[in-house]
Amino acid sequence: MPTSQLIQYAGATIFALAVLHTFSTKFFDHLSHTHPRHAGLFHLLGEVEAVFGFWAMILILFMAVTADMHTAIDYLEQQNLTEPLFVFVILVMAGTRPILYLAKRLVDWISAVLPLAAPVAYYLTCLSVVPLLGSFITEPAAMTLAALLLRDRYYSQPISQRLKYVTLGVLLVNVSIGGVLTPYAAPPVLMVAAKWGWDLPFMLSMFGWKAALAVGINAIGAALLFRRELSALQTPATENNKDGMPFLVVAIHVLFLLGVVYFNHHPVVFFGLFLFFLGFTEAYHKYQDPLMLREGLMVAFFLAGLVILGGEQKWWLQPLLAGMDATVLYFGATALTAITDNAALTYLGSLVEGISDTAKYALVAGAVTGGGLTVIANAPNPAGFAILKGSFDEESISPLGLFAAALTPTVVAMLCFLLL
């Protein structure tokens, strides 16, 4: 068997093992508590964010052994790691105190207008308005903001596990579909928009209003389902603008954030802006909380591993997509998204020559519909996991629990994209 073909088969096998590993992280976390002697190893294997980076290392080592070191290094250098770098930068910047302060003020203002109990109105706003903001500030930023707001307001209180899982499921689905109002914010849209000529009016007319409707239905459904439990929660006192947050500091943070979003395809630019941003936060540390560098690095490690492993899946994914008609492609893309990143899926679909406009719509719609079913389905998902998992039992989120919680909002999105 040729070495290249052997590497392809090994890549698919390693990818399958990595997917199985993501569904087993709760088991390893449990072992870390029951076997303290090896708690460090089990805890590492139980970190969702470490899974794909670990198995990507196995793939590269396999390449180096079966071929040579130069082949492995050349393969690494051919991979586009812009998205992991971008998600790292945007997660750290969006999680700063000035940005959160601004987001909280916006959520407070909108929720105050709603004729609902304060905890229910705030919950509804976090699951509807913030995910839709992802179409403008990017999905990773929206995920980070929403997860931090939900953590501070709800997950920090003694709420039921059912509420935690349903909220996370709705959040992941709504962020995945909430980024399609524009052609630049959702990774699976970014991969195809320029090649297929999809501009802002096209996205709004073909995807945007359907996604906004699904986001609203999902958020309202979750709020109604848990209205009694939410209403019984304590409403925290209104913040008194800790340290007197100056408007200029908030404005500078927003400008940095917008600059990174605008140059999201140019890592040499947005990473340069990030270094300037780090200098600014150090100079004005009075207005900062500890930066989320560890969480950002872990998420970037996860996504980089996914990109590296995904590069060896083209040989079976692309023919599979090419052999489907539009309806089958929609359901196939939704299902495949559960086991592979949806941006990688749409990118592979864009390589198929002669694909019809109907098939293009089905591919992207299906990819974003399934973006909340698993942690690997959508690039911003690991950010939400990293922020919220500490609030779950044994600080671990069950992949099967998430899948079950995300299933109903996924069906809602499916109906909106298919029937409207």
Foldseek 3Di string as FASTA:
>chain_A
DDLLVVLLVVLVVLLVVLLVLLQCLVVLLVCLVVPVVPNVVSNQSSQNLCRLLVSLVVSLVVCCVSPRNVVSVVLLVPFDLLVLLLLLLLLLLLQKLLNLVVVVVVLQVQLVPDPAQSLLSSQLCLQAVLLLCLLPLALLSSLNSSLVVCCVFPLVDPDDPLLVLLSLLSNQLLNLLSNQQAQQRFLQSVLCCVVVVPGNVNSNVQRNVLSSVLSNVSSVVSSVVCVPVSNPDDGDDDDPCVVVDDPVVSVVSVVLSVQCSVVSVPCVRNVVSSVVVVVVCVVPVSRTDDGPNVLSVSLSSSVSSQSSSLVSNLVPLLVVLLPDDLVVLLQVLLVVLQSHALSSNSNSVSVDPPDDPSNNLSSSLSLSLNRQQFCRNGSSSSSSLSSNLCSDVSSHDNSVSNNVSNVVSSVSSVCSNPPD
